[in-house]
Amino acid sequence: MDVLSFKESLSGNEPPQNSSAYLIALWYDAKGDWDKAHKLIQDIEDQNASWIHAYLHRKEGDSGNADYWYRRAGKKKSAVSLEKEWEEIVVAQCSR
């Protein structure tokens, strides 16, 4: 999956088939379903999931929880817009 194809999939009603749990969570977030994105990512225990988890809590406005997840991801809290961070995460996931 490349970034352009992933973004184009947002016009549909379902996430792209054979996408990782990471991309599916990001897809639901972009579609406005924060809860579904969070449920998909919260039980995956690796740095990629932690970064998405951090982003979601930052978006939610829960800074303390976001900080915890950024530390688990091995990243500093993002200073870019939420839209830019979402794109950075998508790029990272598509290049895996």
N, C-alpha and C. Protein backbone atom coordinates (compact mmCIF):
# COMPACT_ATOMS: atom_id res chain seq x y z
N MET A 1 0.86 -1.18 0.00
CA MET A 1 0.00 0.00 0.00
C MET A 1 0.90 1.23 0.00
N ASP A 2 0.62 2.15 -0.92
CA ASP A 2 1.35 3.41 -0.91
C ASP A 2 0.46 4.50 -0.31
N VAL A 3 1.06 5.60 0.03
CA VAL A 3 0.36 6.68 0.73
C VAL A 3 -0.79 7.23 -0.11
N LEU A 4 -0.57 7.44 -1.39
CA LEU A 4 -1.62 7.99 -2.25
C LEU A 4 -2.82 7.04 -2.30
N SER A 5 -2.58 5.77 -2.49
CA SER A 5 -3.68 4.80 -2.52
C SER A 5 -4.42 4.77 -1.19
N PHE A 6 -3.66 4.86 -0.11
CA PHE A 6 -4.29 4.86 1.21
C PHE A 6 -5.20 6.08 1.36
N LYS A 7 -4.70 7.25 1.00
CA LYS A 7 -5.52 8.47 1.10
C LYS A 7 -6.75 8.39 0.21
N GLU A 8 -6.59 7.83 -0.99
CA GLU A 8 -7.73 7.69 -1.89
C GLU A 8 -8.79 6.76 -1.32
N SER A 9 -8.36 5.79 -0.52
CA SER A 9 -9.30 4.84 0.07
C SER A 9 -10.25 5.51 1.06
N LEU A 10 -9.89 6.70 1.51
CA LEU A 10 -10.73 7.40 2.48
C LEU A 10 -12.08 7.82 1.89
N SER A 11 -12.18 7.81 0.57
CA SER A 11 -13.46 8.16 -0.05
C SER A 11 -14.43 6.97 -0.02
N GLY A 12 -13.94 5.80 0.35
CA GLY A 12 -14.78 4.61 0.41
C GLY A 12 -15.40 4.40 1.77
N ASN A 13 -16.10 3.28 1.89
CA ASN A 13 -16.81 2.97 3.13
C ASN A 13 -16.10 1.94 3.99
N GLU A 14 -15.05 1.34 3.48
CA GLU A 14 -14.30 0.31 4.21
C GLU A 14 -12.81 0.57 4.03
N PRO A 15 -12.02 0.23 5.03
CA PRO A 15 -10.57 0.38 4.87
C PRO A 15 -10.06 -0.58 3.79
N PRO A 16 -8.92 -0.28 3.21
CA PRO A 16 -8.37 -1.16 2.17
C PRO A 16 -8.15 -2.58 2.69
N GLN A 17 -8.49 -3.55 1.87
CA GLN A 17 -8.28 -4.94 2.25
C GLN A 17 -6.80 -5.22 2.42
N ASN A 18 -6.49 -6.13 3.29
CA ASN A 18 -5.12 -6.56 3.57
C ASN A 18 -4.24 -5.46 4.18
N SER A 19 -4.87 -4.43 4.75
CA SER A 19 -4.11 -3.39 5.44
C SER A 19 -3.74 -3.86 6.84
N SER A 20 -2.64 -3.33 7.35
CA SER A 20 -2.24 -3.63 8.72
C SER A 20 -3.23 -3.01 9.71
N ALA A 21 -3.20 -3.51 10.93
CA ALA A 21 -4.04 -2.93 11.98
C ALA A 21 -3.71 -1.46 12.19
N TYR A 22 -2.44 -1.10 11.98
CA TYR A 22 -2.01 0.29 12.14
C TYR A 22 -2.72 1.18 11.12
N LEU A 23 -2.70 0.77 9.86
CA LEU A 23 -3.33 1.58 8.81
C LEU A 23 -4.85 1.58 8.96
N ILE A 24 -5.42 0.48 9.39
CA ILE A 24 -6.86 0.46 9.60
C ILE A 24 -7.26 1.44 10.70
N ALA A 25 -6.49 1.48 11.78
CA ALA A 25 -6.78 2.43 12.85
C ALA A 25 -6.67 3.87 12.34
N LEU A 26 -5.64 4.15 11.56
CA LEU A 26 -5.47 5.49 11.00
C LEU A 26 -6.59 5.83 10.02
N TRP A 27 -7.06 4.83 9.30
CA TRP A 27 -8.16 5.02 8.36
C TRP A 27 -9.43 5.43 9.13
N TYR A 28 -9.74 4.69 10.18
CA TYR A 28 -10.94 5.03 10.97
C TYR A 28 -10.80 6.39 11.63
N ASP A 29 -9.61 6.72 12.09
CA ASP A 29 -9.41 8.04 12.67
C ASP A 29 -9.70 9.12 11.63
N ALA A 30 -9.17 8.95 10.43
CA ALA A 30 -9.38 9.95 9.37
C ALA A 30 -10.86 10.05 8.99
N LYS A 31 -11.60 8.98 9.17
CA LYS A 31 -13.03 8.97 8.86
C LYS A 31 -13.86 9.51 10.03
N GLY A 32 -13.19 9.93 11.10
CA GLY A 32 -13.90 10.53 12.23
C GLY A 32 -14.34 9.55 13.30
N ASP A 33 -13.86 8.32 13.24
CA ASP A 33 -14.25 7.32 14.24
C ASP A 33 -13.08 7.07 15.19
N TRP A 34 -12.84 8.04 16.08
CA TRP A 34 -11.74 7.97 17.03
C TRP A 34 -11.85 6.71 17.90
N ASP A 35 -13.07 6.40 18.36
CA ASP A 35 -13.26 5.26 19.25
C ASP A 35 -12.83 3.95 18.59
N LYS A 36 -13.23 3.76 17.35
CA LYS A 36 -12.86 2.52 16.66
C LYS A 36 -11.35 2.46 16.45
N ALA A 37 -10.75 3.60 16.07
CA ALA A 37 -9.30 3.65 15.89
C ALA A 37 -8.60 3.28 17.19
N HIS A 38 -9.07 3.83 18.29
CA HIS A 38 -8.46 3.57 19.60
C HIS A 38 -8.61 2.10 19.99
N LYS A 39 -9.80 1.54 19.79
CA LYS A 39 -10.03 0.14 20.14
C LYS A 39 -9.11 -0.79 19.34
N LEU A 40 -8.88 -0.46 18.08
CA LEU A 40 -8.02 -1.29 17.24
C LEU A 40 -6.57 -1.27 17.68
N ILE A 41 -6.11 -0.14 18.19
CA ILE A 41 -4.67 0.04 18.44
C ILE A 41 -4.28 -0.17 19.90
N GLN A 42 -5.22 -0.06 20.81
CA GLN A 42 -4.87 -0.01 22.23
C GLN A 42 -4.23 -1.27 22.79
N ASP A 43 -4.47 -2.41 22.20
CA ASP A 43 -3.92 -3.65 22.76
C ASP A 43 -2.70 -4.18 22.00
N ILE A 44 -2.22 -3.43 21.02
CA ILE A 44 -1.02 -3.83 20.31
C ILE A 44 0.16 -3.20 21.04
N GLU A 45 1.10 -4.03 21.45
CA GLU A 45 2.18 -3.55 22.29
C GLU A 45 3.50 -3.47 21.54
N ASP A 46 3.60 -2.52 20.64
CA ASP A 46 4.88 -2.24 19.99
C ASP A 46 5.00 -0.73 19.78
N GLN A 47 6.13 -0.30 19.30
CA GLN A 47 6.37 1.14 19.17
C GLN A 47 5.50 1.79 18.11
N ASN A 48 5.18 1.09 17.05
CA ASN A 48 4.30 1.66 16.03
C ASN A 48 2.92 1.93 16.59
N ALA A 49 2.37 0.95 17.29
CA ALA A 49 1.05 1.13 17.90
C ALA A 49 1.09 2.22 18.96
N SER A 50 2.18 2.28 19.71
CA SER A 50 2.31 3.31 20.74
C SER A 50 2.32 4.71 20.14
N TRP A 51 2.95 4.85 18.98
CA TRP A 51 2.95 6.17 18.32
C TRP A 51 1.54 6.56 17.90
N ILE A 52 0.81 5.62 17.32
CA ILE A 52 -0.57 5.90 16.92
C ILE A 52 -1.41 6.19 18.16
N HIS A 53 -1.21 5.42 19.20
CA HIS A 53 -1.94 5.61 20.46
C HIS A 53 -1.66 7.01 21.01
N ALA A 54 -0.39 7.42 20.97
CA ALA A 54 -0.01 8.77 21.43
C ALA A 54 -0.72 9.84 20.62
N TYR A 55 -0.67 9.69 19.30
CA TYR A 55 -1.33 10.64 18.40
C TYR A 55 -2.82 10.74 18.73
N LEU A 56 -3.47 9.59 18.92
CA LEU A 56 -4.91 9.60 19.21
C LEU A 56 -5.22 10.33 20.51
N HIS A 57 -4.40 10.11 21.54
CA HIS A 57 -4.65 10.82 22.80
C HIS A 57 -4.31 12.30 22.70
N ARG A 58 -3.32 12.63 21.89
CA ARG A 58 -3.04 14.05 21.63
C ARG A 58 -4.24 14.69 20.95
N LYS A 59 -4.80 14.00 19.98
CA LYS A 59 -5.97 14.51 19.26
C LYS A 59 -7.15 14.67 20.21
N GLU A 60 -7.29 13.74 21.12
CA GLU A 60 -8.37 13.76 22.10
C GLU A 60 -8.22 14.92 23.08
N GLY A 61 -6.98 15.40 23.23
CA GLY A 61 -6.72 16.48 24.18
C GLY A 61 -6.21 15.98 25.52
N ASP A 62 -5.89 14.70 25.61
CA ASP A 62 -5.39 14.11 26.84
C ASP A 62 -3.86 14.10 26.81
N SER A 63 -3.29 15.23 27.14
CA SER A 63 -1.85 15.44 27.00
C SER A 63 -1.02 14.49 27.85
N GLY A 64 -1.44 14.26 29.08
CA GLY A 64 -0.68 13.37 29.96
C GLY A 64 -0.62 11.95 29.42
N ASN A 65 -1.75 11.45 28.95
CA ASN A 65 -1.80 10.12 28.38
C ASN A 65 -1.00 10.07 27.08
N ALA A 66 -1.11 11.10 26.27
CA ALA A 66 -0.33 11.17 25.03
C ALA A 66 1.16 11.12 25.33
N ASP A 67 1.60 11.88 26.34
CA ASP A 67 3.02 11.90 26.71
C ASP A 67 3.51 10.50 27.07
N TYR A 68 2.69 9.78 27.83
CA TYR A 68 3.05 8.40 28.21
C TYR A 68 3.26 7.55 26.97
N TRP A 69 2.35 7.63 26.00
CA TRP A 69 2.45 6.80 24.80
C TRP A 69 3.58 7.24 23.88
N TYR A 70 3.87 8.52 23.84
CA TYR A 70 5.04 8.97 23.06
C TYR A 70 6.32 8.36 23.66
N ARG A 71 6.41 8.34 24.98
CA ARG A 71 7.58 7.71 25.62
C ARG A 71 7.66 6.23 25.26
N ARG A 72 6.53 5.54 25.30
CA ARG A 72 6.50 4.11 24.94
C ARG A 72 6.91 3.90 23.48
N ALA A 73 6.60 4.89 22.64
CA ALA A 73 6.95 4.80 21.22
C ALA A 73 8.39 5.19 20.96
N GLY A 74 9.07 5.75 21.99
CA GLY A 74 10.44 6.21 21.80
C GLY A 74 10.51 7.50 21.00
N LYS A 75 9.46 8.32 21.13
CA LYS A 75 9.39 9.57 20.36
C LYS A 75 9.12 10.75 21.28
N LYS A 76 9.53 11.91 20.81
CA LYS A 76 9.17 13.15 21.51
C LYS A 76 7.77 13.53 21.07
N LYS A 77 7.07 14.24 21.96
CA LYS A 77 5.72 14.70 21.62
C LYS A 77 5.79 15.56 20.37
N SER A 78 4.92 15.30 19.46
CA SER A 78 4.92 16.00 18.18
C SER A 78 4.56 17.47 18.36
N ALA A 79 5.25 18.32 17.61
CA ALA A 79 4.97 19.75 17.64
C ALA A 79 4.29 20.22 16.36
N VAL A 80 4.06 19.29 15.43
CA VAL A 80 3.40 19.65 14.18
C VAL A 80 1.89 19.52 14.35
N SER A 81 1.14 19.95 13.36
CA SER A 81 -0.32 19.85 13.42
C SER A 81 -0.73 18.38 13.48
N LEU A 82 -1.91 18.13 13.96
CA LEU A 82 -2.43 16.77 14.00
C LEU A 82 -2.48 16.17 12.60
N GLU A 83 -2.87 16.98 11.62
CA GLU A 83 -2.94 16.50 10.24
C GLU A 83 -1.57 16.07 9.73
N LYS A 84 -0.56 16.85 10.04
CA LYS A 84 0.80 16.53 9.62
C LYS A 84 1.31 15.28 10.32
N GLU A 85 1.03 15.16 11.61
CA GLU A 85 1.48 13.98 12.32
C GLU A 85 0.78 12.73 11.77
N TRP A 86 -0.52 12.83 11.50
CA TRP A 86 -1.24 11.70 10.92
C TRP A 86 -0.56 11.26 9.62
N GLU A 87 -0.21 12.23 8.79
CA GLU A 87 0.44 11.91 7.53
C GLU A 87 1.81 11.27 7.76
N GLU A 88 2.58 11.79 8.71
CA GLU A 88 3.89 11.20 9.03
C GLU A 88 3.75 9.74 9.45
N ILE A 89 2.72 9.45 10.25
CA ILE A 89 2.50 8.08 10.70
C ILE A 89 2.09 7.20 9.52
N VAL A 90 1.21 7.70 8.66
CA VAL A 90 0.80 6.94 7.49
C VAL A 90 2.00 6.63 6.60
N VAL A 91 2.82 7.63 6.36
CA VAL A 91 4.03 7.42 5.53
C VAL A 91 4.90 6.33 6.14
N ALA A 92 5.10 6.40 7.44
CA ALA A 92 5.94 5.40 8.13
C ALA A 92 5.33 4.01 8.01
N GLN A 93 4.03 3.90 8.13
CA GLN A 93 3.37 2.59 8.06
C GLN A 93 3.35 2.05 6.64
N CYS A 94 3.19 2.92 5.66
CA CYS A 94 3.17 2.47 4.27
C CYS A 94 4.54 2.04 3.79
N SER A 95 5.58 2.54 4.43
CA SER A 95 6.95 2.18 4.00
C SER A 95 7.46 0.94 4.72
N ARG A 96 6.67 0.32 5.54
CA ARG A 96 7.09 -0.88 6.28
C ARG A 96 6.92 -2.10 5.43
